[in-house]
Protein backbone atom coordinates (compact mmCIF):
# COMPACT_ATOMS: atom_id res chain seq x y z
CA MET A 1 105.99 97.86 108.34
CA SER A 2 102.50 97.97 109.99
CA TYR A 3 101.06 99.64 113.36
CA ILE A 4 98.54 98.01 115.74
CA ASP A 5 96.85 99.81 118.10
CA GLY A 6 95.20 97.17 120.75
CA PHE A 7 92.02 96.91 122.95
CA VAL A 8 91.33 94.93 126.52
CA ILE A 9 87.82 96.11 127.99
CA ALA A 10 85.13 93.82 129.82
CA VAL A 11 81.78 94.67 128.20
CA PRO A 12 78.81 93.22 130.14
CA LYS A 13 77.00 90.26 128.75
CA ALA A 14 73.38 91.64 128.20
CA ASN A 15 75.32 94.19 125.70
CA LYS A 16 76.52 91.75 123.15
CA GLN A 17 74.33 93.30 120.13
CA ALA A 18 74.66 96.75 121.38
CA PHE A 19 78.66 96.36 121.81
CA ILE A 20 78.72 95.09 117.91
CA ASP A 21 76.40 98.21 116.65
CA CYS A 22 78.25 100.15 118.38
CA ALA A 23 81.52 99.16 117.33
CA LYS A 24 80.59 98.66 113.65
CA SER A 25 79.49 102.43 113.67
CA VAL A 26 82.97 103.13 115.34
CA ASP A 27 86.04 100.85 113.61
CA SER A 28 84.13 102.18 109.79
CA LYS A 29 85.43 105.57 111.32
CA PHE A 30 88.94 104.10 111.44
CA LEU A 31 88.59 102.57 107.75
CA GLU A 32 87.62 105.42 106.41
CA TRP A 33 91.02 107.22 108.27
CA GLY A 34 93.24 104.67 107.44
CA ALA A 35 93.28 101.58 109.37
CA THR A 36 93.09 98.57 106.53
CA ARG A 37 91.78 96.16 109.47
CA VAL A 38 89.37 95.76 112.43
CA MET A 39 88.86 92.89 115.21
CA GLU A 40 86.60 92.64 117.85
CA CYS A 41 86.70 89.46 119.61
CA TRP A 42 84.09 88.36 121.75
CA GLY A 43 85.69 86.69 124.87
CA ASP A 44 84.92 82.74 124.09
CA ASP A 45 88.23 80.64 125.50
CA VAL A 46 89.68 82.75 128.85
CA PRO A 47 91.42 81.04 131.58
CA GLU A 48 91.31 83.01 134.56
CA GLY A 49 95.50 82.80 135.79
CA LYS A 50 96.97 82.60 139.17
CA LEU A 51 98.33 85.96 139.17
CA THR A 52 96.57 88.48 136.01
CA ASP A 53 94.62 87.59 133.96
CA PHE A 54 92.15 90.20 131.25
CA TYR A 55 89.84 89.84 133.71
CA ARG A 56 91.23 91.41 136.63
CA ALA A 57 93.30 93.61 133.64
CA VAL A 58 89.74 95.22 133.19
CA GLN A 59 88.25 94.88 136.53
CA ALA A 60 85.09 92.37 134.79
CA THR A 61 82.57 91.37 137.47
CA ASP A 62 80.58 87.93 136.62
CA ASP A 63 77.83 89.47 134.61
CA GLU A 64 80.59 90.75 131.61
CA THR A 65 83.01 89.21 129.37
CA VAL A 66 86.48 90.07 128.52
CA VAL A 67 86.80 91.74 124.56
CA PHE A 68 89.87 91.68 122.92
CA SER A 69 90.06 94.27 119.54
CA TRP A 70 92.58 95.55 118.00
CA ILE A 71 93.11 97.97 114.19
CA GLU A 72 95.75 97.20 112.16
CA TRP A 73 97.21 100.89 109.75
CA PRO A 74 99.34 100.72 107.36
CA ASP A 75 101.99 102.67 109.70
CA LYS A 76 102.27 104.97 112.65
CA GLU A 77 101.74 108.31 110.85
CA THR A 78 98.30 106.87 109.50
CA ARG A 79 97.95 105.87 112.79
CA ASP A 80 98.32 109.53 114.25
CA ALA A 81 96.53 111.11 111.45
CA GLY A 82 93.67 108.89 111.90
CA TYR A 83 93.89 109.46 115.91
CA ALA A 84 94.15 113.41 115.09
CA ARG A 85 90.67 113.35 112.94
CA MET A 86 89.19 111.26 115.66
CA HIS A 87 90.02 113.94 117.85
CA SER A 88 89.34 117.21 115.61
CA PRO A 89 86.78 119.54 116.43
CA GLU A 90 84.17 118.05 112.92
CA VAL A 91 84.31 114.61 115.29
CA MET A 92 83.86 115.62 118.86
CA ASN A 93 80.97 117.81 118.04
CA ASP A 94 79.26 114.51 116.04
CA PRO A 95 76.61 113.66 118.24
CA ALA A 96 77.27 109.96 117.77
CA TRP A 97 80.59 110.72 119.34
CA ASP A 98 78.98 112.16 122.48
CA PRO A 99 79.28 109.52 125.19
CA VAL A 100 76.65 111.71 127.25
CA LYS A 101 74.39 111.51 124.17
CA ASN A 102 75.34 108.00 122.73
CA PRO A 103 77.24 106.79 125.49
CA PRO A 104 78.83 103.76 124.92
CA PRO A 105 78.06 99.60 125.93
CA PHE A 106 80.74 99.37 128.23
CA ASP A 107 82.98 100.95 131.12
CA GLY A 108 85.38 103.01 128.88
CA LYS A 109 87.56 103.82 132.30
CA ARG A 110 88.23 100.14 132.65
CA MET A 111 89.45 99.69 129.09
CA ILE A 112 93.66 98.82 128.27
CA PHE A 113 95.04 100.09 125.50
CA GLY A 114 98.20 100.21 123.43
CA GLY A 115 99.82 101.52 120.18
CA PHE A 116 102.50 98.60 119.20
CA SER A 117 105.12 98.11 116.43
CA PRO A 118 105.70 94.74 115.04
CA VAL A 119 108.49 93.14 115.00
CA LEU A 120 107.97 89.21 114.02
CA GLU A 121 105.48 88.87 111.39
CA LEU A 122 104.60 85.28 110.27
CA LYS A 123 101.98 84.06 107.84
CA GLY A 124 101.05 80.91 106.53
């Protein structure tokens, strides 16, 4: 069964196009490394909760929106190999991946993420 990496981040609304451009560049590498699908979803109907919500989870400010993303892999082994490749000296020395030379259009310190093993999949 597949393996899923999920992400939630706060992105300044003014950086929407910069985020899309950055995601295209980074996400294409995940596909090259074996991912079968990458989704980047700009918050559209994200309600504020009474106890917790996506905004609080990433400490989003009024000038930011929440982005929900995921990467689908054929299995955890492919995902682990892809992440190993991402952290290889070849990639880590690439200026395109250097956060100092090419800063992301969001605060990565507030990103929440994790890997998930699907337990149920329904298709229409």
